[in-house]
């Protein structure tokens, strides 16, 4: 029972002042690293939602098996990228039982953590959300069942999947993600990559 991955990478990184997708970390870009980890964790297919700086990112990233997805509406917020990703899941993985939603800016993320999310999800008999928990909050990466695709499609603007975790429509299983709160948003965050 495959779980597709949607890597949300359409933002303009305005506060950072450069495309975070292309920042180098341990010999690869943050986006290439996110794609590799999703693939190593067993997600299939891996769909990469792009928007801002699309030509530069497409030229710089080796997508290999991953499928780039263009989100023309990326400026409307993260919900539009989730919608674009789900549309691509329907097209490329209609048999997927769930979707792993993740960003590309959590440098402490590991393929092992993603694999645990997917394996925990596929081991359940009934639809559930399997989410990461860090710094006292639930957030991405998280696996959402197909039953919640309509709820994900109803998100608007900057309202991301975390809002579905606040008032879940099905059981939620949490897995600790040490360092999940570390992400790259502003220039000072680049020190976290050392």
Protein backbone atom coordinates (compact mmCIF):
# COMPACT_ATOMS: atom_id res chain seq x y z
CA UNK A 1 0.00 0.00 0.00
CA UNK A 2 2.00 2.95 -1.24
CA UNK A 3 2.25 6.31 0.47
CA UNK A 4 3.05 9.21 -1.85
CA UNK A 5 5.20 12.10 -0.67
CA UNK A 6 4.46 15.75 -1.35
CA UNK A 7 7.51 17.95 -0.78
CA UNK A 8 6.24 21.51 -0.36
CA UNK A 9 8.93 23.72 -1.92
CA UNK A 10 7.06 26.52 -3.73
CA UNK A 11 7.76 29.45 -1.43
CA UNK A 12 9.86 32.48 -2.31
CA UNK A 13 11.95 32.45 0.92
CA UNK A 14 11.53 36.25 1.11
CA UNK A 15 12.68 36.52 4.74
CA UNK A 16 15.77 34.47 3.92
CA UNK A 17 16.65 36.58 0.87
CA UNK A 18 17.60 33.56 -1.29
CA UNK A 19 15.83 30.35 -2.38
CA UNK A 20 16.06 28.05 0.66
CA UNK A 21 15.51 25.09 -1.67
CA UNK A 22 19.03 25.62 -3.10
CA UNK A 23 20.95 26.18 0.15
CA UNK A 24 23.79 23.69 0.43
CA UNK A 25 23.87 21.38 3.44
CA UNK A 26 26.22 18.44 3.86
CA UNK A 27 27.10 18.34 0.19
CA UNK A 28 23.60 18.66 -1.30
CA UNK A 29 20.87 21.27 -1.53
CA UNK A 30 18.10 21.23 1.07
CA UNK A 31 15.58 20.29 -1.62
CA UNK A 32 17.68 17.47 -3.13
CA UNK A 33 18.20 16.17 0.41
CA UNK A 34 14.45 16.20 1.14
CA UNK A 35 13.74 14.32 -2.11
CA UNK A 36 16.44 11.73 -1.38
CA UNK A 37 15.17 11.13 2.16
CA UNK A 38 11.55 10.72 1.01
CA UNK A 39 12.70 8.16 -1.58
CA UNK A 40 14.91 6.32 0.94
CA UNK A 41 11.97 6.19 3.36
CA UNK A 42 9.92 4.30 0.77
CA UNK A 43 7.48 7.00 -0.35
CA UNK A 44 6.34 6.54 -3.94
CA UNK A 45 6.01 8.59 -5.94
CA UNK A 46 7.79 11.65 -4.55
CA UNK A 47 6.06 14.78 -5.85
CA UNK A 48 7.86 18.12 -5.50
CA UNK A 49 5.66 21.22 -5.57
CA UNK A 50 7.52 24.23 -6.99
CA UNK A 51 6.45 27.82 -7.54
CA UNK A 52 8.80 30.75 -6.89
CA UNK A 53 12.14 30.61 -8.71
CA UNK A 54 10.89 27.59 -10.68
CA UNK A 55 13.33 27.75 -13.64
CA UNK A 56 16.37 28.15 -11.37
CA UNK A 57 15.32 25.32 -9.08
CA UNK A 58 14.36 22.98 -11.95
CA UNK A 59 17.79 23.57 -13.52
CA UNK A 60 19.70 23.02 -10.25
CA UNK A 61 18.00 19.94 -8.80
CA UNK A 62 18.43 16.37 -10.05
CA UNK A 63 14.86 15.13 -9.79
CA UNK A 64 15.66 11.57 -11.00
CA UNK A 65 12.55 9.56 -10.06
CA UNK A 66 10.87 12.48 -8.28
CA UNK A 67 8.15 14.36 -10.17
CA UNK A 68 8.25 18.17 -10.23
CA UNK A 69 4.80 19.76 -9.92
CA UNK A 70 4.27 23.38 -10.90
CA UNK A 71 2.02 25.46 -8.64
CA UNK A 72 1.04 28.56 -10.61
CA UNK A 73 -0.87 29.84 -7.57
CA UNK A 74 2.01 29.57 -5.08
CA UNK A 75 1.66 33.24 -4.04
CA UNK A 76 -1.77 32.41 -2.56
CA UNK A 77 -0.07 30.45 0.23
CA UNK A 78 0.85 26.95 1.31
CA UNK A 79 -2.69 25.59 0.88
CA UNK A 80 -2.39 26.08 -2.89
CA UNK A 81 0.74 23.92 -2.87
CA UNK A 82 -1.04 21.18 -0.92
CA UNK A 83 -3.84 21.32 -3.52
CA UNK A 84 -1.34 21.08 -6.41
CA UNK A 85 0.35 18.14 -4.71
CA UNK A 86 -2.93 16.29 -4.18
CA UNK A 87 -3.87 16.82 -7.81
CA UNK A 88 -0.55 15.24 -8.78
CA UNK A 89 -1.21 12.31 -6.39
CA UNK A 90 -4.54 11.71 -8.19
CA UNK A 91 -2.73 11.73 -11.53
CA UNK A 92 0.38 9.72 -10.63
CA UNK A 93 -0.65 7.58 -7.65
CA UNK A 94 -4.42 7.02 -7.59
CA UNK A 95 -3.82 3.87 -5.49
CA UNK A 96 -1.94 5.73 -2.73
CA UNK A 97 -3.50 5.08 0.68
CA UNK A 98 -2.07 8.26 2.15
CA UNK A 99 0.28 11.14 1.59
CA UNK A 100 3.42 12.22 3.43
CA UNK A 101 3.46 16.03 3.62
CA UNK A 102 6.87 17.57 4.23
CA UNK A 103 8.92 20.68 3.61
CA UNK A 104 12.57 20.93 2.63
CA UNK A 105 13.84 23.19 5.42
CA UNK A 106 14.22 20.91 8.47
CA UNK A 107 17.94 20.08 8.58
CA UNK A 108 17.55 17.64 11.51
CA UNK A 109 15.16 15.44 9.49
CA UNK A 110 16.29 11.90 8.67
CA UNK A 111 15.11 9.24 6.25
CA UNK A 112 14.68 6.98 9.31
CA UNK A 113 12.12 9.35 10.82
CA UNK A 114 10.19 9.51 7.54
CA UNK A 115 10.30 5.71 7.26
CA UNK A 116 8.90 5.38 10.81
CA UNK A 117 6.04 7.74 9.93
CA UNK A 118 5.17 5.70 6.83
CA UNK A 119 5.55 2.30 8.52
CA UNK A 120 3.44 3.38 11.49
CA UNK A 121 0.77 4.66 9.09
CA UNK A 122 0.66 1.49 6.97
CA UNK A 123 0.48 -0.72 10.09
CA UNK A 124 -2.89 0.77 11.12
CA UNK A 125 -6.18 -0.95 10.33
CA UNK A 126 -8.22 2.25 10.15
CA UNK A 127 -7.49 5.73 8.74
CA UNK A 128 -5.28 7.81 11.01
CA UNK A 129 -2.84 10.70 10.87
CA UNK A 130 0.75 9.95 11.84
CA UNK A 131 2.52 13.18 12.70
CA UNK A 132 5.83 14.42 14.04
CA UNK A 133 5.93 16.15 17.41
CA UNK A 134 8.67 18.59 18.43
CA UNK A 135 8.99 21.46 20.88
CA UNK A 136 5.53 20.58 22.20
CA UNK A 137 3.74 20.94 18.87
CA UNK A 138 2.49 18.54 16.22
CA UNK A 139 3.57 19.31 12.68
CA UNK A 140 5.08 18.13 9.44
CA UNK A 141 6.36 15.82 8.30
CA UNK A 142 3.08 13.95 8.73
CA UNK A 143 1.16 11.25 6.88
CA UNK A 144 -2.50 11.91 6.11
CA UNK A 145 -4.91 9.17 4.98
CA UNK A 146 -6.82 9.37 1.70
CA UNK A 147 -10.00 9.85 3.76
CA UNK A 148 -8.69 13.33 4.71
CA UNK A 149 -7.83 14.46 1.18
CA UNK A 150 -11.11 16.45 1.00
CA UNK A 151 -10.21 18.22 4.26
CA UNK A 152 -6.73 19.02 2.89
CA UNK A 153 -8.35 20.34 -0.30
CA UNK A 154 -10.56 22.66 1.78
CA UNK A 155 -7.53 24.50 3.26
CA UNK A 156 -7.08 28.09 2.06
CA UNK A 157 -4.28 30.66 2.01
CA UNK A 158 -1.52 30.22 4.58
CA UNK A 159 -3.56 27.63 6.47
CA UNK A 160 -1.46 24.49 6.25
CA UNK A 161 -2.03 20.92 7.34
CA UNK A 162 -1.26 21.75 10.99
CA UNK A 163 -4.78 23.15 11.31
CA UNK A 164 -6.11 19.61 10.69
CA UNK A 165 -3.99 18.37 13.58
CA UNK A 166 -5.57 20.89 15.96
CA UNK A 167 -9.05 19.45 15.36
CA UNK A 168 -8.40 16.01 13.87
CA UNK A 169 -11.09 14.16 11.95
CA UNK A 170 -9.55 10.77 12.77
CA UNK A 171 -7.12 9.31 15.34
CA UNK A 172 -3.65 10.88 15.53
CA UNK A 173 -0.45 9.00 16.32
CA UNK A 174 2.57 11.15 17.21
CA UNK A 175 6.23 10.26 16.74
CA UNK A 176 8.91 12.38 18.42
CA UNK A 177 11.16 14.28 16.01
CA UNK A 178 14.12 15.64 17.94
CA UNK A 179 15.12 18.98 16.40
CA UNK A 180 12.03 19.29 14.23
CA UNK A 181 11.58 22.87 15.38
CA UNK A 182 14.86 23.81 13.64
CA UNK A 183 14.02 25.21 10.23
CA UNK A 184 15.52 27.69 7.80
CA UNK A 185 13.44 30.87 7.48
CA UNK A 186 15.71 33.87 8.13
CA UNK A 187 19.43 34.50 7.55
CA UNK A 188 20.27 33.82 11.23
CA UNK A 189 18.89 30.29 10.80
CA UNK A 190 21.74 29.45 8.41
CA UNK A 191 23.97 29.04 11.46
CA UNK A 192 21.93 25.88 12.21
CA UNK A 193 23.49 24.28 9.13
CA UNK A 194 27.01 24.36 10.51
